[in-house]
Structure formats: structure tokens, C-alpha cells
Protein backbone atom coordinates (compact mmCIF):
# COMPACT_ATOMS: atom_id res chain seq x y z
CA UNK A 1 200.32 26.75 -118.97
CA UNK A 2 197.57 24.44 -119.56
CA UNK A 3 194.81 25.25 -121.60
CA UNK A 4 191.31 24.54 -119.64
CA UNK A 5 187.79 25.37 -121.15
CA UNK A 6 185.92 27.79 -119.69
CA UNK A 7 183.16 26.50 -117.86
CA UNK A 8 181.18 29.43 -117.99
CA UNK A 9 181.22 29.71 -122.03
CA UNK A 10 182.52 26.61 -123.56
CA UNK A 11 179.05 24.94 -122.97
CA UNK A 12 177.00 27.51 -124.65
CA UNK A 13 176.21 26.74 -128.48
CA UNK A 14 177.47 29.34 -130.73
CA UNK A 15 173.80 29.78 -132.11
CA UNK A 16 172.55 30.34 -128.74
CA UNK A 17 171.87 34.36 -128.31
CA UNK A 18 170.63 34.85 -124.82
CA UNK A 19 168.09 37.62 -123.92
CA UNK A 20 170.27 40.58 -123.01
CA UNK A 21 168.55 41.48 -119.45
CA UNK A 22 171.09 43.99 -118.73
CA UNK A 23 172.51 46.23 -121.52
CA UNK A 24 176.04 46.25 -120.41
CA UNK A 25 176.23 42.33 -120.38
CA UNK A 26 177.64 40.21 -123.44
CA UNK A 27 177.10 36.72 -124.04
CA UNK A 28 179.99 35.95 -122.28
CA UNK A 29 178.51 37.25 -118.94
CA UNK A 30 176.10 34.48 -118.79
CA UNK A 31 176.91 31.27 -116.99
CA UNK A 32 173.97 29.51 -118.90
CA UNK A 33 172.20 29.88 -121.80
CA UNK A 34 168.75 29.43 -120.27
CA UNK A 35 167.70 33.24 -120.33
CA UNK A 36 166.56 32.26 -124.30
CA UNK A 37 166.61 28.59 -124.23
CA UNK A 38 164.58 27.21 -121.01
CA UNK A 39 164.91 23.68 -122.31
CA UNK A 40 168.88 23.35 -121.62
CA UNK A 41 167.74 23.13 -118.02
CA UNK A 42 166.24 19.68 -118.42
CA UNK A 43 168.23 16.69 -118.65
CA UNK A 44 167.92 13.03 -116.93
CA UNK A 45 169.84 11.16 -114.90
CA UNK A 46 170.45 7.76 -113.12
CA UNK A 47 171.00 8.04 -109.12
CA UNK A 48 173.66 5.46 -108.64
CA UNK A 49 173.40 5.98 -104.77
CA UNK A 50 172.72 8.21 -102.00
CA UNK A 51 174.56 8.93 -98.88
CA UNK A 52 173.64 10.70 -95.69
CA UNK A 53 176.06 12.00 -92.71
CA UNK A 54 178.00 14.74 -92.07
CA UNK A 55 179.60 17.24 -94.28
CA UNK A 56 183.25 15.55 -93.37
CA UNK A 57 182.00 11.94 -93.64
CA UNK A 58 180.37 12.62 -96.93
CA UNK A 59 183.65 14.57 -98.25
CA UNK A 60 186.08 11.55 -96.76
CA UNK A 61 183.91 8.63 -97.42
CA UNK A 62 182.15 9.60 -100.80
CA UNK A 63 183.94 12.42 -102.59
CA UNK A 64 187.73 11.96 -101.87
CA UNK A 65 187.74 8.24 -103.03
CA UNK A 66 186.05 9.61 -106.06
CA UNK A 67 188.51 12.25 -106.69
CA UNK A 68 191.23 10.29 -106.38
CA UNK A 69 190.25 7.59 -109.03
CA UNK A 70 189.84 10.03 -111.53
CA UNK A 71 191.87 9.45 -115.05
CA UNK A 72 191.47 12.21 -116.71
CA UNK A 73 189.64 15.37 -115.29
CA UNK A 74 188.27 16.35 -111.82
CA UNK A 75 186.25 19.65 -111.46
CA UNK A 76 185.72 20.64 -107.57
CA UNK A 77 183.30 23.38 -107.02
CA UNK A 78 182.76 24.59 -103.51
CA UNK A 79 181.39 27.97 -101.60
CA UNK A 80 183.47 28.45 -98.33
CA UNK A 81 187.22 27.50 -98.29
CA UNK A 82 189.14 27.80 -94.72
CA UNK A 83 191.51 25.57 -93.01
CA UNK A 84 189.98 22.70 -91.66
CA UNK A 85 190.16 19.05 -91.05
CA UNK A 86 188.73 18.62 -94.60
CA UNK A 87 191.11 20.60 -96.28
CA UNK A 88 194.00 18.68 -94.76
CA UNK A 89 191.88 15.71 -96.35
CA UNK A 90 191.35 17.41 -99.68
CA UNK A 91 194.96 18.29 -99.52
CA UNK A 92 196.19 14.54 -99.02
CA UNK A 93 193.57 13.75 -101.61
CA UNK A 94 195.23 15.70 -104.03
CA UNK A 95 198.93 14.51 -103.25
CA UNK A 96 197.68 11.10 -104.09
CA UNK A 97 195.95 11.94 -107.33
CA UNK A 98 199.17 13.27 -108.33
CA UNK A 99 200.96 10.34 -107.82
CA UNK A 100 198.13 8.18 -109.82
CA UNK A 101 198.39 11.01 -112.83
CA UNK A 102 202.01 10.34 -112.61
CA UNK A 103 201.65 6.80 -112.84
CA UNK A 104 198.82 6.90 -116.02
CA UNK A 105 200.79 9.58 -117.72
CA UNK A 106 203.69 7.14 -118.14
CA UNK A 107 201.10 4.86 -119.76
CA UNK A 108 199.25 7.54 -121.87
CA UNK A 109 202.29 9.48 -123.49
CA UNK A 110 202.42 12.22 -120.93
CA UNK A 111 198.82 12.96 -120.48
CA UNK A 112 197.97 14.68 -117.40
CA UNK A 113 195.16 14.75 -115.28
CA UNK A 114 193.21 18.40 -115.04
CA UNK A 115 192.58 19.38 -111.73
CA UNK A 116 189.92 22.59 -111.59
CA UNK A 117 188.80 24.01 -108.45
CA UNK A 118 186.35 27.14 -108.14
CA UNK A 119 185.62 28.62 -104.94
CA UNK A 120 183.68 31.72 -103.92
CA UNK A 121 184.46 32.96 -100.10
CA UNK A 122 187.63 32.39 -98.66
CA UNK A 123 187.88 35.30 -96.05
CA UNK A 124 186.35 38.74 -95.31
CA UNK A 125 189.44 40.55 -96.89
CA UNK A 126 188.53 38.51 -100.20
CA UNK A 127 184.90 39.58 -100.10
CA UNK A 128 185.91 42.92 -99.77
CA UNK A 129 188.78 43.23 -102.45
CA UNK A 130 187.67 40.02 -104.95
CA UNK A 131 187.68 41.41 -108.70
CA UNK A 132 184.42 42.81 -109.82
CA UNK A 133 184.92 40.78 -113.19
CA UNK A 134 182.33 37.84 -114.08
CA UNK A 135 185.46 35.79 -115.12
CA UNK A 136 186.56 36.02 -111.48
CA UNK A 137 190.15 35.82 -109.81
CA UNK A 138 192.69 32.78 -111.02
CA UNK A 139 195.13 31.82 -108.26
CA UNK A 140 198.48 32.03 -109.34
CA UNK A 141 200.37 28.53 -108.64
CA UNK A 142 202.52 30.32 -106.27
CA UNK A 143 200.03 31.01 -103.91
CA UNK A 144 198.17 27.39 -103.78
CA UNK A 145 199.93 26.66 -100.54
CA UNK A 146 200.62 29.82 -98.70
CA UNK A 147 196.86 31.19 -99.03
CA UNK A 148 194.66 28.17 -99.90
CA UNK A 149 196.17 25.59 -97.83
CA UNK A 150 196.76 23.07 -101.03
CA UNK A 151 199.79 21.17 -102.34
CA UNK A 152 202.27 23.83 -103.98
CA UNK A 153 202.86 23.57 -107.71
CA UNK A 154 206.15 21.66 -107.31
CA UNK A 155 204.28 18.87 -105.31
CA UNK A 156 201.84 18.36 -108.30
CA UNK A 157 203.93 18.26 -111.49
CA UNK A 158 201.60 15.04 -112.55
CA UNK A 159 198.26 17.49 -112.66
CA UNK A 160 197.23 20.42 -114.78
CA UNK A 161 195.73 22.62 -112.02
CA UNK A 162 193.64 25.66 -112.05
CA UNK A 163 192.32 27.27 -108.82
CA UNK A 164 189.75 30.36 -109.32
CA UNK A 165 187.35 31.86 -107.21
CA UNK A 166 183.96 33.76 -108.23
CA UNK A 167 182.33 36.10 -105.86
CA UNK A 168 179.99 38.98 -106.53
CA UNK A 169 180.21 42.18 -103.92
CA UNK A 170 178.89 42.63 -101.67
CA UNK A 171 176.59 39.49 -100.73
CA UNK A 172 176.63 37.01 -103.85
CA UNK A 173 178.19 33.81 -103.14
CA UNK A 174 178.40 30.97 -105.37
CA UNK A 175 176.77 28.38 -103.63
CA UNK A 176 177.35 25.99 -105.75
CA UNK A 177 179.06 22.56 -104.22
CA UNK A 178 179.85 19.76 -106.63
CA UNK A 179 182.39 17.16 -108.06
CA UNK A 180 182.39 15.97 -111.32
CA UNK A 181 184.80 13.10 -112.18
CA UNK A 182 185.78 12.40 -115.87
CA UNK A 183 182.60 14.13 -116.93
CA UNK A 184 180.80 11.13 -116.07
CA UNK A 185 180.06 11.08 -112.42
CA UNK A 186 178.51 14.06 -110.77
CA UNK A 187 178.44 14.38 -106.80
CA UNK A 188 176.33 16.70 -105.19
CA UNK A 189 177.15 16.67 -101.38
CA UNK A 190 174.76 19.59 -100.36
CA UNK A 191 171.66 20.86 -102.00
CA UNK A 192 170.85 23.85 -99.87
């Protein structure tokens, strides 16, 4: 099994000791160190482009080409996951990314592109029975195709893939929607 960074804790410097708001929580329960260090919320960026359109048009014209251009890592976070034309397009792009990774891995000593997918809300059943752990649920590779509409592990031999969901019952949806490519380019397709 590939080793992925824990995006909930690996970005927290070891020196940070968050103020405990809820006595049963620990440092690992915080997604960010901001409770004790608000300066960590400050950053700078240089927007390269601004795209308008429908969710589907932005997804197919901007996000999927960016995903397919990755050379080392893709992090895709989305709120709602459902069968749709967008999911069909994502599946096709992931297969193209797999082919690209296979080609690149022959050139770089077998190193695969990592694909990390995080989703929140998939179905009413998932909302009712999702784990209450702040670590969420990791989908086993055997369920990617049948439960999520993604390619199965047999079709993704060129990628290291991890698919997780975070949902905090009863109504707390992780509403993030973003794509990070090679930890260099970040896309925010919606900011609501």
C-alpha cells in the first residue's frame, strides 16, 4: 500500500500546540494549527487566470486538463459525489493520467503519480452510517468502481491512489472544492 501524507496533520509543525477547545480532542483532531497561531492563515498567491462558466464547463475546460498534466501528485477535493457526466469525464481523465504516469515511470525509475481524492457527501446511506472518526473513511480499492464510478485498481497500475471521505454527522459536510497539481498549482472551481 502506498504511503500518503496525512493532509490533516503533516502540515502542522511539531512546535504548534493548538489551544484545546474541546477537552477530548488532541492535536491530531485539528485540521489546521490556526487556533493557537492565526498567522498560519496568511499567505500570498499570484492568480494566473480566472475562468467563468458552469461547473461542468470549468471542470472539463480547466480542471481535467490540469489533472492530466500532473507529473508527481494530484489532490482532488470535492463536496458532493454522484453519477453524472462530470464523473464520466473524471474517470476518462484519470485513465489518461494513469497512461501518462506509466510513461513517466519508465523514465524516472518507476516512480508513480499519486492521486488523492477526498469527498464528503455521496448518498443518504453514507450520511447516516459514515464513521464519526475525524480521520474519515478510506475506500478500499475493490470499491472504487462499484461504489464511486472510478476506474478499478486493475486499470490504475501506473498510479498510487487513495480515496477518502470526510463527513461529520448529522449535517457537517466538508464543502471544499479544489484541485492541487504537483503542489505547485491550485484551482478553486467554486468558493461558495
